[in-house]
């Protein structure tokens, strides 16, 4: 599979504080990769580097073989979308208006949406199952509905790379499963490379082809769930003892504390 985004020996942080230390990995077309690790270990900082918000102190981030931090913002936004941890927007845009913002990188100089933009927005909302909410203020959505609205806005950008920051945070079990099923199907059917910061190892093992465990800004283990979800890795990364069982239906490893 071709690489869409490559991280090579990335180091960086804030001011004089080093957070990331020699991180390397690649995102490939059609796969979902999870970034896992303890709190305050550099996961969100990594997101800022791979999305182009920060420039590496050392190393490189490449988007389609080009140095990410040197690319024009509009070029990046037409190829890479970020879904942040959802917060309630300050202004009561309708859901349709909120998702339509995802088309901004593609608009011409006069900034007026065309029929194609509205078609793509509807498609994104139907894909995420929120078209029926199009006239509702985004401030009135439930947590699961709001997460779908953010995801629909990202899809409206027509990205080839999708970066998600804890997409299942604060969601109940049903919404967690629905969001992860949607993310997995988007990667597979649209051939989008997906990187998701997750805390739930069991969800990651079920839905992601590769897991990357980081601790104190370094990669501790990387590979398919069957190789890296094991007591030794969990002990090294999280400092706790666990039991590993196989999922009774699909056979992937699952963690019992």
Protein backbone atom coordinates (compact mmCIF):
# COMPACT_ATOMS: atom_id res chain seq x y z
CA UNK A 1 0.00 0.00 0.00
CA UNK A 2 1.20 3.52 -0.81
CA UNK A 3 2.11 5.92 1.99
CA UNK A 4 0.13 9.15 2.22
CA UNK A 5 1.87 10.59 5.25
CA UNK A 6 5.34 9.79 6.55
CA UNK A 7 6.95 10.79 9.83
CA UNK A 8 10.73 10.44 9.90
CA UNK A 9 12.75 10.80 13.11
CA UNK A 10 10.43 13.55 14.39
CA UNK A 11 11.47 15.44 17.50
CA UNK A 12 9.78 18.52 18.93
CA UNK A 13 7.91 20.11 21.79
CA UNK A 14 7.15 23.50 23.28
CA UNK A 15 9.74 26.21 23.92
CA UNK A 16 12.69 24.40 25.53
CA UNK A 17 10.72 21.31 26.58
CA UNK A 18 11.20 18.27 24.36
CA UNK A 19 8.03 16.15 24.07
CA UNK A 20 8.59 13.91 21.03
CA UNK A 21 11.87 12.06 20.54
CA UNK A 22 12.69 10.40 17.25
CA UNK A 23 9.18 9.33 16.18
CA UNK A 24 8.93 7.48 12.85
CA UNK A 25 5.97 5.81 11.14
CA UNK A 26 3.87 6.01 7.97
CA UNK A 27 0.15 6.06 7.18
CA UNK A 28 -0.92 3.95 4.23
CA UNK A 29 -3.92 4.21 1.97
CA UNK A 30 -7.03 2.50 3.31
CA UNK A 31 -5.79 1.66 6.81
CA UNK A 32 -6.68 2.88 10.28
CA UNK A 33 -3.76 3.40 12.66
CA UNK A 34 -4.22 4.03 16.39
CA UNK A 35 -1.87 6.11 18.54
CA UNK A 36 -2.02 4.88 22.13
CA UNK A 37 -0.24 5.67 25.36
CA UNK A 38 -0.60 7.17 28.84
CA UNK A 39 -1.81 10.70 29.48
CA UNK A 40 0.74 13.48 28.90
CA UNK A 41 2.97 11.25 26.77
CA UNK A 42 2.87 13.32 23.57
CA UNK A 43 -0.13 12.01 21.60
CA UNK A 44 -1.82 15.38 21.09
CA UNK A 45 1.54 17.03 20.41
CA UNK A 46 2.14 14.43 17.70
CA UNK A 47 -1.23 15.34 16.17
CA UNK A 48 -0.14 18.98 15.95
CA UNK A 49 3.00 18.01 14.04
CA UNK A 50 1.38 15.59 11.59
CA UNK A 51 -1.40 18.10 10.86
CA UNK A 52 1.11 20.87 10.09
CA UNK A 53 0.21 23.08 13.06
CA UNK A 54 3.80 22.84 14.34
CA UNK A 55 7.07 22.52 12.40
CA UNK A 56 9.47 19.76 13.54
CA UNK A 57 12.54 20.67 15.53
CA UNK A 58 14.27 17.69 13.97
CA UNK A 59 13.15 15.17 11.38
CA UNK A 60 10.49 15.50 8.70
CA UNK A 61 6.77 15.03 8.11
CA UNK A 62 5.86 14.33 4.48
CA UNK A 63 2.42 14.60 2.91
CA UNK A 64 2.44 12.74 -0.40
CA UNK A 65 6.25 12.89 -0.46
CA UNK A 66 6.40 16.66 0.11
CA UNK A 67 7.58 18.36 3.35
CA UNK A 68 4.34 19.17 5.16
CA UNK A 69 5.35 22.38 6.92
CA UNK A 70 6.47 23.94 3.60
CA UNK A 71 3.17 23.34 1.81
CA UNK A 72 0.51 26.06 1.45
CA UNK A 73 -2.26 25.76 4.00
CA UNK A 74 -4.95 25.50 1.35
CA UNK A 75 -3.10 22.66 -0.39
CA UNK A 76 -2.86 20.76 2.89
CA UNK A 77 -6.52 21.39 3.81
CA UNK A 78 -7.66 19.91 0.48
CA UNK A 79 -5.84 16.66 1.31
CA UNK A 80 -5.69 16.34 5.08
CA UNK A 81 -8.53 16.87 7.56
CA UNK A 82 -8.39 16.96 11.35
CA UNK A 83 -11.28 16.06 13.64
CA UNK A 84 -10.49 17.58 17.06
CA UNK A 85 -11.90 16.53 20.38
CA UNK A 86 -15.41 17.83 20.01
CA UNK A 87 -16.51 20.93 21.86
CA UNK A 88 -19.81 22.76 21.67
CA UNK A 89 -19.42 25.57 19.09
CA UNK A 90 -19.95 29.08 20.41
CA UNK A 91 -22.36 30.12 17.67
CA UNK A 92 -25.62 28.27 16.85
CA UNK A 93 -24.87 27.48 13.20
CA UNK A 94 -27.22 24.96 11.69
CA UNK A 95 -25.65 21.54 11.20
CA UNK A 96 -25.73 22.13 7.45
CA UNK A 97 -23.87 25.44 7.79
CA UNK A 98 -21.34 23.81 10.12
CA UNK A 99 -20.58 20.97 7.71
CA UNK A 100 -20.50 23.36 4.73
CA UNK A 101 -17.46 25.05 6.33
CA UNK A 102 -15.52 21.97 5.31
CA UNK A 103 -15.75 23.13 1.70
CA UNK A 104 -13.86 26.38 2.40
CA UNK A 105 -10.45 25.14 1.13
CA UNK A 106 -12.02 24.29 -2.23
CA UNK A 107 -13.85 27.57 -2.84
CA UNK A 108 -12.79 29.96 -5.56
CA UNK A 109 -11.60 33.52 -4.95
CA UNK A 110 -15.10 34.94 -4.47
CA UNK A 111 -15.83 32.28 -1.86
CA UNK A 112 -19.28 31.31 -3.13
CA UNK A 113 -20.41 27.68 -2.87
CA UNK A 114 -21.50 25.94 -6.06
CA UNK A 115 -23.94 23.12 -6.66
CA UNK A 116 -21.12 20.59 -6.38
CA UNK A 117 -20.22 21.88 -2.91
CA UNK A 118 -23.76 21.43 -1.66
CA UNK A 119 -23.90 17.95 -3.21
CA UNK A 120 -20.71 16.90 -1.43
CA UNK A 121 -21.95 18.31 1.88
CA UNK A 122 -25.19 16.37 1.60
CA UNK A 123 -23.23 13.24 0.74
CA UNK A 124 -21.00 13.72 3.80
CA UNK A 125 -24.02 14.24 6.06
CA UNK A 126 -25.83 11.22 4.65
CA UNK A 127 -22.71 9.11 5.08
CA UNK A 128 -22.52 10.06 8.76
CA UNK A 129 -26.28 9.74 9.23
CA UNK A 130 -27.06 13.34 10.14
CA UNK A 131 -28.85 14.71 7.06
CA UNK A 132 -32.10 14.74 9.02
CA UNK A 133 -30.42 17.11 11.52
CA UNK A 134 -29.43 19.66 8.86
CA UNK A 135 -31.63 22.49 10.19
CA UNK A 136 -30.93 21.93 13.88
CA UNK A 137 -28.50 24.29 15.67
CA UNK A 138 -25.21 22.50 16.19
CA UNK A 139 -25.23 23.76 19.80
CA UNK A 140 -28.24 21.53 20.53
CA UNK A 141 -26.74 18.23 19.37
CA UNK A 142 -25.95 15.31 21.62
CA UNK A 143 -22.35 14.20 22.04
CA UNK A 144 -22.68 11.45 19.43
CA UNK A 145 -24.48 13.72 16.96
CA UNK A 146 -21.88 16.44 17.42
CA UNK A 147 -19.06 13.96 16.77
CA UNK A 148 -20.76 12.94 13.52
CA UNK A 149 -21.11 16.61 12.53
CA UNK A 150 -17.38 17.18 13.02
CA UNK A 151 -16.65 14.04 11.02
CA UNK A 152 -19.03 15.13 8.25
CA UNK A 153 -17.31 18.53 8.09
CA UNK A 154 -13.97 16.75 7.68
CA UNK A 155 -15.37 14.51 4.94
CA UNK A 156 -16.65 17.57 3.10
CA UNK A 157 -12.99 18.55 2.65
CA UNK A 158 -12.53 15.40 0.52
CA UNK A 159 -9.38 14.41 2.44
CA UNK A 160 -6.99 11.62 1.57
CA UNK A 161 -5.64 11.66 5.14
CA UNK A 162 -7.90 11.90 8.19
CA UNK A 163 -6.53 12.66 11.67
CA UNK A 164 -8.81 12.17 14.68
CA UNK A 165 -8.18 13.22 18.28
CA UNK A 166 -10.01 10.81 20.60
CA UNK A 167 -13.08 10.37 18.38
CA UNK A 168 -14.88 8.24 20.98
CA UNK A 169 -14.22 10.43 24.04
CA UNK A 170 -17.30 10.94 26.23
CA UNK A 171 -19.48 8.70 24.03
CA UNK A 172 -21.55 5.77 25.28
CA UNK A 173 -20.86 2.23 24.06
CA UNK A 174 -23.39 2.37 21.24
CA UNK A 175 -22.01 5.63 19.86
CA UNK A 176 -18.42 4.43 20.25
CA UNK A 177 -19.19 1.38 18.14
CA UNK A 178 -21.08 3.42 15.55
CA UNK A 179 -18.28 6.00 15.18
CA UNK A 180 -15.55 3.36 14.90
CA UNK A 181 -17.55 1.33 12.37
CA UNK A 182 -17.98 4.50 10.33
CA UNK A 183 -14.28 5.36 10.50
CA UNK A 184 -13.28 1.85 9.45
CA UNK A 185 -15.70 1.82 6.52
CA UNK A 186 -14.53 5.25 5.32
CA UNK A 187 -10.91 4.08 5.30
CA UNK A 188 -11.79 0.91 3.44
CA UNK A 189 -14.34 2.20 0.94
CA UNK A 190 -12.86 5.63 0.20
CA UNK A 191 -9.24 4.58 0.57
CA UNK A 192 -8.52 7.24 3.19
CA UNK A 193 -5.50 6.90 5.47
CA UNK A 194 -6.70 7.37 9.06
CA UNK A 195 -4.73 8.13 12.23
CA UNK A 196 -6.75 8.12 15.44
CA UNK A 197 -5.59 8.99 18.94
CA UNK A 198 -7.35 6.53 21.22
CA UNK A 199 -7.32 5.57 24.89
CA UNK A 200 -9.33 2.36 24.58
CA UNK A 201 -6.94 -0.44 23.60
CA UNK A 202 -9.81 -2.87 23.01
CA UNK A 203 -11.51 -0.54 20.52
CA UNK A 204 -8.18 0.06 18.79
CA UNK A 205 -7.46 -3.66 18.52
CA UNK A 206 -10.89 -4.31 17.06
CA UNK A 207 -10.98 -1.55 14.44
CA UNK A 208 -7.36 -0.64 13.58
CA UNK A 209 -4.91 -2.50 11.39
CA UNK A 210 -1.88 -1.11 13.23
CA UNK A 211 -1.32 0.18 16.75
CA UNK A 212 1.49 2.53 17.77
CA UNK A 213 2.19 2.69 21.49
CA UNK A 214 4.17 5.70 22.68
CA UNK A 215 5.53 6.55 26.11
CA UNK A 216 7.44 9.68 27.13
CA UNK A 217 7.55 10.81 23.52
CA UNK A 218 9.03 7.63 22.04
CA UNK A 219 7.58 4.71 20.10
CA UNK A 220 7.63 1.63 22.33
CA UNK A 221 5.84 -0.79 20.01
CA UNK A 222 4.26 -0.72 16.55
CA UNK A 223 2.44 -3.43 14.66
CA UNK A 224 -0.85 -5.28 14.18
CA UNK A 225 -2.92 -5.90 17.32
CA UNK A 226 -1.96 -9.58 17.39
CA UNK A 227 1.70 -8.63 17.81
CA UNK A 228 1.66 -5.62 20.14
CA UNK A 229 -1.33 -6.10 22.45
CA UNK A 230 0.45 -8.31 24.96
CA UNK A 231 1.22 -8.15 28.69
CA UNK A 232 4.85 -7.15 28.10
CA UNK A 233 4.00 -4.10 26.00
CA UNK A 234 1.14 -3.00 28.27
CA UNK A 235 3.41 -3.32 31.30
CA UNK A 236 6.14 -1.24 29.67
CA UNK A 237 3.79 1.47 28.39
CA UNK A 238 1.25 1.75 31.21
CA UNK A 239 3.11 0.23 34.16
CA UNK A 240 0.33 -2.20 35.05
CA UNK A 241 -0.37 -5.91 34.82
CA UNK A 242 -3.19 -7.11 32.56
CA UNK A 243 -4.68 -10.29 31.13
CA UNK A 244 -5.09 -10.75 27.38
CA UNK A 245 -7.94 -12.77 25.87
CA UNK A 246 -9.18 -13.21 22.30
CA UNK A 247 -12.38 -11.55 21.17
CA UNK A 248 -14.93 -14.40 20.94
CA UNK A 249 -16.18 -13.34 17.49
CA UNK A 250 -13.24 -11.85 15.59
CA UNK A 251 -10.25 -13.20 17.50
CA UNK A 252 -8.37 -9.94 18.10
CA UNK A 253 -6.66 -9.51 21.48
CA UNK A 254 -8.61 -7.77 24.23
CA UNK A 255 -7.28 -6.41 27.52
CA UNK A 256 -8.68 -7.35 30.93
CA UNK A 257 -7.41 -5.36 33.90
